[in-house]
């Protein structure tokens, strides 16, 4: 069997692409290596996805997306893709169990937030540990939080959170920020943000939720404790592009380069969601990318001689 489209990745971009492809009567297979939803599934409460007057759990939204795609005929397989052959007319997708053939491929593997690597980090994820200030910042209104990092995202997050939080600590391991000067100027003049220089997080404390972070000054090795209600880790995102390194053109940050229609430079290979180079990475923008990628796949599959 040759599929019309195989989608690699089951986050909001992937499942939206599956929905639109299946509704276009394309023989559609989505392959996900872990669980539905990707990073979205780690969000306990979502208030900023259109159409839900009351907040929705990220896992629930992911399952709704999956069920909707299946309703229109998309097949969903839980397996790990280990190899992609993309340059031939009929492309090959190899998982740990099976080899599939397809006329087009949509890459939607997403990205992975860089983590601190602390024992308590995973346990308290969604209970005070967050990787997305835009997604979760409103839960900490009038509270005290810490942002970890010193680049553009960390400084943007600190400024953003200061609009709703009582106090924001910005913890950075160096004695100078890496963010662009305009962002630095803003945070330096922000009276609600206190920068903790030359420091790293040694531990996250809390029983049911985050209560404090233990930090160490890397120059003096002095330990101290910050009492906080939440910690936002902003030390970067690693795009999950290992499968296509050396095959598809990537940006300096390692994200896949596409045009506005989600096309890569390889015919009938699209990329969508957090894996591609773009400015805003949210569930709503991932879903939009997925719809566009499916539309591009439909047009190209209909016109190809494969």
Protein backbone atom coordinates (compact mmCIF):
# COMPACT_ATOMS: atom_id res chain seq x y z
CA UNK A 1 0.00 0.00 0.00
CA UNK A 2 1.14 3.53 -0.80
CA UNK A 3 -0.26 6.29 1.39
CA UNK A 4 -1.02 9.72 -0.01
CA UNK A 5 0.46 11.37 3.07
CA UNK A 6 2.29 10.22 6.17
CA UNK A 7 2.51 12.65 9.07
CA UNK A 8 5.36 12.21 11.54
CA UNK A 9 4.35 13.58 14.93
CA UNK A 10 1.10 13.68 16.90
CA UNK A 11 0.97 17.17 18.37
CA UNK A 12 -1.58 19.84 17.41
CA UNK A 13 0.19 20.44 14.09
CA UNK A 14 0.26 16.76 13.21
CA UNK A 15 -3.34 15.99 14.15
CA UNK A 16 -4.65 19.08 12.36
CA UNK A 17 -2.73 18.00 9.26
CA UNK A 18 -4.23 14.51 9.63
CA UNK A 19 -7.74 15.95 9.94
CA UNK A 20 -7.43 18.14 6.87
CA UNK A 21 -5.72 15.43 4.81
CA UNK A 22 -8.33 12.81 5.68
CA UNK A 23 -11.18 15.22 4.93
CA UNK A 24 -9.59 15.80 1.52
CA UNK A 25 -9.89 12.03 0.87
CA UNK A 26 -6.15 11.47 1.06
CA UNK A 27 -5.05 8.08 2.38
CA UNK A 28 -3.54 9.39 5.63
CA UNK A 29 -1.33 7.84 8.30
CA UNK A 30 -0.08 9.68 11.39
CA UNK A 31 2.80 8.16 13.35
CA UNK A 32 3.52 9.27 16.92
CA UNK A 33 6.28 7.78 19.04
CA UNK A 34 4.95 8.65 22.50
CA UNK A 35 1.49 10.09 23.22
CA UNK A 36 -1.05 12.38 21.63
CA UNK A 37 -0.55 16.10 22.02
CA UNK A 38 3.20 16.53 22.29
CA UNK A 39 4.11 19.47 24.52
CA UNK A 40 0.43 20.47 24.62
CA UNK A 41 -0.31 17.33 26.64
CA UNK A 42 1.96 18.57 29.45
CA UNK A 43 -0.25 21.65 29.99
CA UNK A 44 -2.72 21.09 32.80
CA UNK A 45 -5.05 23.98 31.94
CA UNK A 46 -5.37 25.79 28.60
CA UNK A 47 -7.23 29.09 28.53
CA UNK A 48 -5.97 30.54 25.25
CA UNK A 49 -7.18 28.01 22.66
CA UNK A 50 -10.19 29.46 20.81
CA UNK A 51 -13.60 27.86 21.19
CA UNK A 52 -13.44 26.81 24.84
CA UNK A 53 -15.13 29.25 27.17
CA UNK A 54 -13.98 27.16 30.12
CA UNK A 55 -10.33 26.03 30.31
CA UNK A 56 -9.49 22.65 28.82
CA UNK A 57 -6.82 20.18 29.84
CA UNK A 58 -4.07 19.72 27.24
CA UNK A 59 -4.47 15.94 27.25
CA UNK A 60 -8.22 16.22 26.70
CA UNK A 61 -7.74 18.59 23.77
CA UNK A 62 -5.17 16.22 22.29
CA UNK A 63 -7.57 13.27 22.51
CA UNK A 64 -10.32 15.33 20.88
CA UNK A 65 -7.97 16.21 18.04
CA UNK A 66 -7.00 12.56 17.60
CA UNK A 67 -10.60 11.32 17.65
CA UNK A 68 -11.68 13.99 15.17
CA UNK A 69 -8.92 13.01 12.73
CA UNK A 70 -9.84 9.33 13.08
CA UNK A 71 -13.51 10.14 12.49
CA UNK A 72 -12.65 11.32 8.99
CA UNK A 73 -10.53 8.24 8.23
CA UNK A 74 -7.00 9.10 9.33
CA UNK A 75 -5.03 6.13 10.65
CA UNK A 76 -2.97 6.63 13.82
CA UNK A 77 -0.01 4.43 14.69
CA UNK A 78 2.01 4.61 17.91
CA UNK A 79 5.54 3.68 16.89
CA UNK A 80 8.90 5.42 16.51
CA UNK A 81 10.12 6.57 13.10
CA UNK A 82 13.79 5.63 12.80
CA UNK A 83 14.54 6.51 9.19
CA UNK A 84 13.17 8.68 6.38
CA UNK A 85 13.94 8.42 2.66
CA UNK A 86 12.53 11.62 1.20
CA UNK A 87 14.22 12.37 -2.10
CA UNK A 88 12.60 9.71 -4.28
CA UNK A 89 9.20 10.09 -5.90
CA UNK A 90 7.75 7.51 -3.52
CA UNK A 91 9.05 8.28 -0.06
CA UNK A 92 9.84 5.68 2.60
CA UNK A 93 9.07 5.97 6.31
CA UNK A 94 10.66 3.29 8.47
CA UNK A 95 9.51 2.68 12.03
CA UNK A 96 10.82 0.19 14.57
CA UNK A 97 8.25 -2.32 13.33
CA UNK A 98 7.29 -1.52 9.73
CA UNK A 99 8.30 0.18 6.48
CA UNK A 100 5.71 2.44 4.85
CA UNK A 101 5.54 4.02 1.39
CA UNK A 102 3.95 7.39 0.72
CA UNK A 103 3.59 10.08 -1.93
CA UNK A 104 4.16 12.91 0.57
CA UNK A 105 5.46 13.46 4.09
CA UNK A 106 4.49 16.09 6.63
CA UNK A 107 7.08 16.56 9.38
CA UNK A 108 5.50 17.58 12.68
CA UNK A 109 7.92 16.23 15.28
CA UNK A 110 7.81 19.42 17.34
CA UNK A 111 10.45 20.51 19.78
CA UNK A 112 11.56 19.68 23.28
CA UNK A 113 12.07 22.30 25.97
CA UNK A 114 15.55 22.20 27.40
CA UNK A 115 15.29 21.21 31.01
CA UNK A 116 17.35 21.93 34.08
CA UNK A 117 17.88 18.24 34.73
CA UNK A 118 16.81 18.36 38.36
CA UNK A 119 15.15 15.48 40.21
CA UNK A 120 12.10 17.50 41.23
CA UNK A 121 11.62 19.12 37.82
CA UNK A 122 9.54 16.35 36.24
CA UNK A 123 7.52 15.68 39.40
CA UNK A 124 6.45 19.33 39.71
CA UNK A 125 5.86 19.95 36.00
CA UNK A 126 2.44 21.56 35.67
CA UNK A 127 2.41 22.24 39.40
CA UNK A 128 4.66 25.26 39.44
CA UNK A 129 7.26 24.25 36.85
CA UNK A 130 6.47 25.64 33.41
CA UNK A 131 8.29 26.13 30.12
CA UNK A 132 5.85 28.60 28.57
CA UNK A 133 5.12 31.97 30.16
CA UNK A 134 2.57 32.86 27.48
CA UNK A 135 0.64 29.66 28.17
CA UNK A 136 0.76 29.59 31.97
CA UNK A 137 1.60 33.09 33.17
CA UNK A 138 -2.00 34.05 33.99
CA UNK A 139 -2.14 31.34 36.67
CA UNK A 140 0.41 33.30 38.71
CA UNK A 141 -1.36 36.64 38.91
CA UNK A 142 -0.24 38.58 42.01
CA UNK A 143 2.25 35.82 42.87
CA UNK A 144 6.05 35.61 42.92
CA UNK A 145 7.83 33.66 40.19
CA UNK A 146 11.32 33.03 38.86
CA UNK A 147 12.47 32.85 35.25
CA UNK A 148 15.60 30.84 34.49
CA UNK A 149 17.75 31.99 31.58
CA UNK A 150 19.36 35.04 30.04
CA UNK A 151 18.47 35.00 26.35
CA UNK A 152 15.69 36.69 24.41
CA UNK A 153 12.99 34.26 25.54
CA UNK A 154 13.90 34.48 29.22
CA UNK A 155 14.00 38.27 29.23
CA UNK A 156 10.76 38.50 27.23
CA UNK A 157 9.16 36.08 29.70
CA UNK A 158 10.33 38.16 32.68
CA UNK A 159 8.88 41.33 31.21
CA UNK A 160 5.65 39.57 30.23
CA UNK A 161 5.17 37.98 33.66
CA UNK A 162 5.82 41.29 35.42
CA UNK A 163 2.52 42.57 34.01
CA UNK A 164 0.58 40.13 36.16
CA UNK A 165 2.94 38.87 38.86
CA UNK A 166 3.77 40.64 42.09
CA UNK A 167 7.50 39.90 41.76
CA UNK A 168 9.71 38.27 39.12
CA UNK A 169 13.22 36.97 39.70
CA UNK A 170 15.38 36.48 36.61
CA UNK A 171 18.09 33.93 37.41
CA UNK A 172 21.04 33.89 35.02
CA UNK A 173 24.26 31.91 35.23
CA UNK A 174 26.41 34.73 33.81
CA UNK A 175 27.08 38.37 34.69
CA UNK A 176 25.57 39.71 31.47
CA UNK A 177 22.38 38.92 29.58
CA UNK A 178 22.46 37.43 26.08
CA UNK A 179 19.19 39.06 25.00
CA UNK A 180 19.07 41.86 22.43
CA UNK A 181 19.72 45.33 23.81
CA UNK A 182 16.13 46.55 23.50
CA UNK A 183 14.90 43.70 25.71
CA UNK A 184 17.71 44.28 28.18
CA UNK A 185 16.85 47.96 28.45
CA UNK A 186 13.24 47.08 29.18
CA UNK A 187 14.05 44.55 31.89
CA UNK A 188 16.68 46.78 33.53
CA UNK A 189 14.04 49.50 33.94
CA UNK A 190 11.37 47.10 35.14
CA UNK A 191 10.93 47.66 38.88
CA UNK A 192 9.10 44.35 39.35
CA UNK A 193 12.01 42.28 37.99
CA UNK A 194 15.06 41.48 40.10
CA UNK A 195 18.00 39.88 38.31
CA UNK A 196 20.01 37.24 40.18
CA UNK A 197 23.40 37.20 38.45
CA UNK A 198 26.00 34.42 38.23
CA UNK A 199 23.59 31.85 39.62
CA UNK A 200 22.21 28.42 38.75
CA UNK A 201 19.30 26.44 40.16
CA UNK A 202 20.48 23.57 42.31
CA UNK A 203 17.10 22.26 43.43
CA UNK A 204 13.35 22.91 43.24
CA UNK A 205 11.52 22.59 46.54
CA UNK A 206 7.87 21.77 47.14
CA UNK A 207 5.55 18.95 48.15
CA UNK A 208 2.33 19.38 46.15
CA UNK A 209 3.51 22.45 44.23
CA UNK A 210 6.60 24.60 43.83
CA UNK A 211 7.44 26.48 47.02
CA UNK A 212 11.03 27.61 46.49
CA UNK A 213 14.19 27.17 44.43
CA UNK A 214 17.66 26.59 45.79
CA UNK A 215 20.26 28.59 43.87
CA UNK A 216 24.06 28.67 43.89
CA UNK A 217 26.29 31.57 42.95
CA UNK A 218 28.79 30.08 40.48
CA UNK A 219 31.53 32.52 41.52
CA UNK A 220 31.24 32.39 45.30
CA UNK A 221 29.48 28.99 45.55
CA UNK A 222 27.15 30.56 48.11
CA UNK A 223 23.76 28.82 48.39
CA UNK A 224 20.50 30.68 48.92
CA UNK A 225 16.76 30.01 48.76
CA UNK A 226 14.15 31.98 46.86
CA UNK A 227 10.56 31.56 48.04
CA UNK A 228 8.43 31.51 44.90
CA UNK A 229 5.12 30.18 43.59
CA UNK A 230 6.31 29.17 40.14
CA UNK A 231 9.43 28.72 38.04
CA UNK A 232 9.59 29.30 34.30
CA UNK A 233 12.47 27.53 32.58
CA UNK A 234 13.54 29.48 29.48
CA UNK A 235 16.89 28.03 28.50
CA UNK A 236 15.88 27.13 24.97
CA UNK A 237 13.99 24.63 22.82
CA UNK A 238 15.60 21.83 20.90
CA UNK A 239 13.75 21.09 17.65
CA UNK A 240 13.32 17.36 17.09
CA UNK A 241 15.14 17.35 13.75
CA UNK A 242 17.63 14.53 14.25
CA UNK A 243 15.80 12.40 11.65
CA UNK A 244 16.34 14.97 8.89
CA UNK A 245 19.77 16.40 9.71
CA UNK A 246 21.81 16.59 6.50
CA UNK A 247 18.70 15.95 4.40
CA UNK A 248 16.53 19.06 4.85
CA UNK A 249 17.72 22.64 5.10
CA UNK A 250 17.78 23.86 8.70
CA UNK A 251 18.14 27.31 10.26
CA UNK A 252 21.02 28.26 12.53
CA UNK A 253 18.85 27.22 15.49
CA UNK A 254 18.24 23.80 13.94
CA UNK A 255 14.63 24.39 12.87
CA UNK A 256 13.35 23.34 9.44
CA UNK A 257 13.14 26.12 6.88
CA UNK A 258 9.87 26.30 4.94
CA UNK A 259 8.01 28.73 2.75
CA UNK A 260 4.65 30.20 3.80
CA UNK A 261 2.90 27.07 2.49
CA UNK A 262 4.98 24.81 4.78
CA UNK A 263 6.97 23.41 1.83
CA UNK A 264 10.60 22.41 2.27
CA UNK A 265 12.92 22.38 -0.75
CA UNK A 266 12.20 18.66 -1.26
CA UNK A 267 9.07 18.08 -3.37
CA UNK A 268 6.06 16.84 -1.41
CA UNK A 269 7.82 17.18 1.94
CA UNK A 270 6.23 19.72 4.28
CA UNK A 271 7.02 20.76 7.85
CA UNK A 272 4.67 22.35 10.37
CA UNK A 273 4.43 23.36 14.01
CA UNK A 274 7.27 23.93 16.45
CA UNK A 275 9.78 22.05 14.32
CA UNK A 276 9.88 24.79 11.70
CA UNK A 277 11.52 28.21 11.84
CA UNK A 278 8.96 30.84 12.91
CA UNK A 279 8.36 33.56 15.48
CA UNK A 280 5.49 32.29 17.63
CA UNK A 281 5.15 28.72 18.88
CA UNK A 282 1.68 28.16 20.35
CA UNK A 283 -0.97 25.45 19.96
CA UNK A 284 -3.06 27.72 17.73
CA UNK A 285 -0.15 28.51 15.38
CA UNK A 286 0.81 24.82 15.23
CA UNK A 287 -2.75 23.91 14.24
CA UNK A 288 -2.74 26.60 11.55
CA UNK A 289 0.56 25.27 10.19
CA UNK A 290 -0.92 21.76 10.06
CA UNK A 291 -3.91 22.87 8.02
CA UNK A 292 -1.67 24.68 5.53
CA UNK A 293 0.70 21.70 5.27
CA UNK A 294 -2.20 19.36 4.51
CA UNK A 295 -3.51 21.74 1.84
CA UNK A 296 -0.06 21.83 0.23
CA UNK A 297 0.15 18.03 0.35
CA UNK A 298 -3.27 17.68 -1.28
CA UNK A 299 -2.37 19.99 -4.18
CA UNK A 300 0.98 18.30 -4.81
CA UNK A 301 -0.27 14.72 -4.52
CA UNK A 302 -3.13 15.42 -6.92
CA UNK A 303 -0.72 16.80 -9.52
CA UNK A 304 2.13 14.29 -9.21
CA UNK A 305 2.78 11.28 -11.46
CA UNK A 306 3.93 9.09 -8.55
